[in-house]
Amino acid sequence: MASSSRSNIVLTFSTTSCEFQKSQIKLAFWLLPFVDARTFCYIFYMKIYLIEGVSGTGKTTVCEELNRRGYKAIEADEEIAHYADPKTGLPTNEKIPDNWIWNKEKFNKAIEQEGDSSIFICGGAMNQEDFKHHFNKVFTLHIDDETLKYRLLHRINNDFGKHPDELALQLEWNKGAVKYSKERGTILIDAIKPVSEVVDEILSHTE
């Protein structure tokens, strides 16, 4: 049986600086008595949210709007994902959808921070389910097929989706997006609305 001293470990926490101060939070006896501030913040206070959706639903635009409002939002395609062999994790020049995966080291580096601010990961990859334990909530952006097709063919920040095969694949995936969201328990977001309203709705689920 654990000693009484260990069962009454008291660690203090400042929600603004992640520093231990006065007795505010009592941890259960099973928690190790020595936990660094960053780990404490990660486990108990820092929230990580995933904003996913097929290409063209507005993940990058939402990411930019979150950053504009002062939140920490990470463009996963730029900072976490790469083309690699799903089995070995080694980079590959075979640029096919199945090889678009998140790198574990890059992911961990992306979520490192001081403090307890929320982090939004915006993007998706074929192996994102391997990272689901990191996320407090997952938001799935969804739009109708016609809007998706228009966005993919006319966007200027990314050429992915303009090729007929890529466009057909995204439209096919979009057909099952709502069902897939319900099966996984994600929060479905109507991303046809202006980005300000889309972000407002996302944030309303994080308060």
Protein backbone atom coordinates (compact mmCIF):
# COMPACT_ATOMS: atom_id res chain seq x y z
CA MET A 1 0.00 0.00 0.00
CA ALA A 2 1.33 3.46 -0.89
CA SER A 3 2.50 5.67 1.91
CA SER A 4 0.37 8.59 3.03
CA SER A 5 3.08 11.02 1.98
CA ARG A 6 2.89 9.79 -1.59
CA SER A 7 -0.89 9.68 -1.68
CA ASN A 8 -1.03 13.36 -0.79
CA ILE A 9 1.47 14.69 -3.28
CA VAL A 10 0.66 18.33 -3.89
CA LEU A 11 1.81 20.12 -6.99
CA THR A 12 0.90 23.67 -7.72
CA PHE A 13 0.24 25.16 -11.05
CA SER A 14 -0.12 28.62 -12.55
CA THR A 15 -2.39 28.62 -15.59
CA THR A 16 -0.38 31.44 -17.11
CA SER A 17 3.19 30.26 -16.65
CA CYS A 18 3.02 26.52 -15.96
CA GLU A 19 5.10 27.04 -12.81
CA PHE A 20 4.54 25.30 -9.53
CA GLN A 21 3.45 27.77 -6.84
CA LYS A 22 0.91 27.15 -4.04
CA SER A 23 -1.12 24.04 -3.32
CA GLN A 24 -3.90 24.04 -5.87
CA ILE A 25 -4.00 20.56 -7.35
CA LYS A 26 -3.66 17.26 -5.48
CA LEU A 27 -2.51 14.38 -7.59
CA ALA A 28 -3.42 10.75 -6.97
CA PHE A 29 -0.91 8.55 -5.18
CA TRP A 30 0.03 6.74 -8.38
CA LEU A 31 1.52 9.84 -10.01
CA LEU A 32 5.25 10.12 -9.71
CA PRO A 33 6.21 12.80 -7.19
CA PHE A 34 8.55 14.56 -9.57
CA VAL A 35 6.97 15.81 -12.78
CA ASP A 36 8.48 18.63 -14.79
CA ALA A 37 6.28 21.61 -15.59
CA ARG A 38 6.05 20.91 -19.32
CA THR A 39 4.83 17.36 -18.81
CA PHE A 40 2.36 18.52 -16.17
CA CYS A 41 0.93 21.11 -18.55
CA TYR A 42 0.70 18.63 -21.39
CA ILE A 43 -1.17 16.03 -19.34
CA PHE A 44 -3.55 18.24 -17.40
CA TYR A 45 -4.02 21.57 -19.16
CA MET A 46 -2.85 21.78 -22.75
CA LYS A 47 -5.56 20.84 -25.22
CA ILE A 48 -4.77 19.59 -28.72
CA TYR A 49 -7.44 19.65 -31.40
CA LEU A 50 -7.42 18.19 -34.90
CA ILE A 51 -9.11 19.95 -37.80
CA GLU A 52 -9.45 17.48 -40.65
CA GLY A 53 -11.28 17.18 -43.94
CA VAL A 54 -10.66 16.18 -47.53
CA SER A 55 -8.56 18.51 -49.67
CA GLY A 56 -10.39 21.72 -50.48
CA THR A 57 -12.62 21.89 -47.40
CA GLY A 58 -10.68 24.84 -45.98
CA LYS A 59 -8.21 23.47 -43.45
CA THR A 60 -5.44 25.89 -44.45
CA THR A 61 -7.80 28.87 -44.41
CA VAL A 62 -9.07 27.90 -40.94
CA CYS A 63 -5.48 27.51 -39.77
CA GLU A 64 -4.63 31.01 -40.98
CA GLU A 65 -7.71 32.48 -39.28
CA LEU A 66 -6.87 30.77 -35.97
CA ASN A 67 -3.34 32.14 -36.12
CA ARG A 68 -4.69 35.59 -36.98
CA ARG A 69 -6.79 35.46 -33.81
CA GLY A 70 -3.75 34.60 -31.71
CA TYR A 71 -4.18 30.84 -31.38
CA LYS A 72 -1.42 28.38 -32.10
CA ALA A 73 -2.49 26.57 -35.25
CA ILE A 74 -0.19 24.28 -37.19
CA GLU A 75 -0.43 23.56 -40.89
CA ALA A 76 0.21 19.83 -40.80
CA ASP A 77 1.02 19.54 -44.50
CA GLU A 78 3.88 21.98 -44.03
CA GLU A 79 5.25 20.97 -40.63
CA ILE A 80 4.34 17.33 -39.97
CA ALA A 81 3.51 15.39 -43.13
CA HIS A 82 5.71 14.01 -45.89
CA TYR A 83 5.75 11.26 -48.47
CA ALA A 84 7.15 8.13 -46.89
CA ASP A 85 6.81 4.38 -46.91
CA PRO A 86 3.96 3.59 -44.46
CA LYS A 87 5.76 0.45 -43.27
CA THR A 88 9.27 1.82 -42.77
CA GLY A 89 8.62 5.54 -42.38
CA LEU A 90 11.46 6.25 -44.76
CA PRO A 91 11.00 9.10 -47.28
CA THR A 92 9.97 8.11 -50.78
CA ASN A 93 9.68 9.77 -54.15
CA GLU A 94 6.50 7.83 -54.86
CA LYS A 95 4.01 10.62 -54.32
CA ILE A 96 0.74 8.75 -53.98
CA PRO A 97 -2.03 9.34 -51.36
CA ASP A 98 -1.17 6.17 -49.43
CA ASN A 99 2.35 7.49 -48.80
CA TRP A 100 1.22 10.83 -47.36
CA ILE A 101 1.87 10.26 -43.65
CA TRP A 102 2.69 12.16 -40.48
CA ASN A 103 6.17 11.91 -39.03
CA LYS A 104 6.16 11.15 -35.30
CA GLU A 105 9.23 13.25 -34.50
CA LYS A 106 7.88 16.22 -36.44
CA PHE A 107 4.52 15.86 -34.72
CA ASN A 108 6.07 15.84 -31.25
CA LYS A 109 8.20 18.87 -32.11
CA ALA A 110 5.17 20.73 -33.44
CA ILE A 111 3.21 20.35 -30.19
CA GLU A 112 6.11 21.27 -27.92
CA GLN A 113 5.55 24.56 -26.16
CA GLU A 114 5.75 26.36 -22.90
CA GLY A 115 2.45 27.16 -21.27
CA ASP A 116 -1.01 25.68 -21.45
CA SER A 117 -2.43 27.26 -24.61
CA SER A 118 -4.50 25.13 -26.92
CA ILE A 119 -2.97 23.81 -30.14
CA PHE A 120 -4.85 23.20 -33.36
CA ILE A 121 -3.44 20.73 -35.87
CA CYS A 122 -4.90 21.45 -39.31
CA GLY A 123 -4.56 18.69 -41.85
CA GLY A 124 -4.71 14.99 -42.39
CA ALA A 125 -2.67 11.96 -43.38
CA MET A 126 -3.14 8.28 -44.03
CA ASN A 127 -1.74 7.38 -40.60
CA GLN A 128 -3.46 10.08 -38.55
CA GLU A 129 -5.36 7.45 -36.57
CA ASP A 130 -2.02 6.52 -34.99
CA PHE A 131 -2.03 9.98 -33.38
CA LYS A 132 -5.66 10.11 -32.25
CA HIS A 133 -4.76 9.65 -28.56
CA HIS A 134 -3.19 13.11 -28.64
CA PHE A 135 -6.41 14.91 -29.55
CA ASN A 136 -9.02 16.15 -27.11
CA LYS A 137 -11.48 16.66 -29.96
CA VAL A 138 -11.51 16.19 -33.72
CA PHE A 139 -13.33 18.55 -36.09
CA THR A 140 -14.24 17.37 -39.59
CA LEU A 141 -14.76 20.10 -42.19
CA HIS A 142 -17.32 19.23 -44.83
CA ILE A 143 -18.70 20.90 -47.94
CA ASP A 144 -20.90 19.76 -50.83
CA ASP A 145 -19.39 18.20 -53.96
CA GLU A 146 -19.93 21.19 -56.24
CA THR A 147 -18.26 23.58 -53.82
CA LEU A 148 -15.40 21.13 -53.31
CA LYS A 149 -14.86 20.77 -57.04
CA TYR A 150 -14.87 24.53 -57.55
CA ARG A 151 -12.40 25.14 -54.72
CA LEU A 152 -9.96 22.47 -55.86
CA LEU A 153 -9.97 23.65 -59.47
CA HIS A 154 -9.62 27.36 -58.64
CA ARG A 155 -7.39 27.51 -55.57
CA ILE A 156 -3.99 29.14 -56.04
CA ASN A 157 -2.11 28.01 -52.93
CA ASN A 158 -1.98 24.33 -53.86
CA ASP A 159 -2.26 22.43 -57.14
CA PHE A 160 -3.33 19.17 -55.51
CA GLY A 161 -6.78 18.21 -56.74
CA LYS A 162 -6.55 19.84 -60.13
CA HIS A 163 -5.52 16.64 -61.89
CA PRO A 164 -8.60 14.62 -62.91
CA ASP A 165 -7.52 11.55 -60.94
CA GLU A 166 -6.87 13.59 -57.78
CA LEU A 167 -10.15 15.45 -58.18
CA ALA A 168 -12.08 12.21 -58.62
CA LEU A 169 -10.47 10.72 -55.50
CA GLN A 170 -11.34 13.71 -53.32
CA LEU A 171 -14.92 13.74 -54.57
CA GLU A 172 -15.18 10.03 -53.84
CA TRP A 173 -13.84 10.49 -50.32
CA ASN A 174 -16.19 13.43 -49.79
CA LYS A 175 -19.22 11.19 -50.36
CA GLY A 176 -18.43 9.22 -47.22
CA ALA A 177 -17.17 12.11 -45.08
CA VAL A 178 -20.37 12.59 -43.05
CA LYS A 179 -20.78 8.88 -42.33
CA TYR A 180 -17.08 8.56 -41.48
CA SER A 181 -17.36 11.47 -39.06
CA LYS A 182 -20.35 9.95 -37.27
CA GLU A 183 -18.67 6.56 -36.99
CA ARG A 184 -15.57 8.10 -35.41
CA GLY A 185 -17.42 10.56 -33.19
CA THR A 186 -15.86 13.68 -34.65
CA ILE A 187 -17.55 17.08 -34.67
CA LEU A 188 -18.87 17.81 -38.16
CA ILE A 189 -18.45 21.41 -39.28
CA ASP A 190 -20.26 22.99 -42.21
CA ALA A 191 -17.31 24.63 -43.96
CA ILE A 192 -19.32 26.34 -46.69
CA LYS A 193 -19.85 29.28 -44.34
CA PRO A 194 -17.39 32.20 -44.19
CA VAL A 195 -14.18 31.22 -42.43
CA SER A 196 -14.91 33.56 -39.51
CA GLU A 197 -18.13 31.65 -38.79
CA VAL A 198 -16.42 28.28 -39.24
CA VAL A 199 -13.76 29.22 -36.70
CA ASP A 200 -16.36 30.64 -34.32
CA GLU A 201 -18.18 27.31 -34.38
CA ILE A 202 -14.97 25.35 -33.78
CA LEU A 203 -14.00 27.54 -30.86
CA SER A 204 -17.47 27.20 -29.34
CA HIS A 205 -16.72 23.50 -28.83
CA THR A 206 -13.42 24.19 -27.07
CA GLU A 207 -14.70 26.48 -24.32
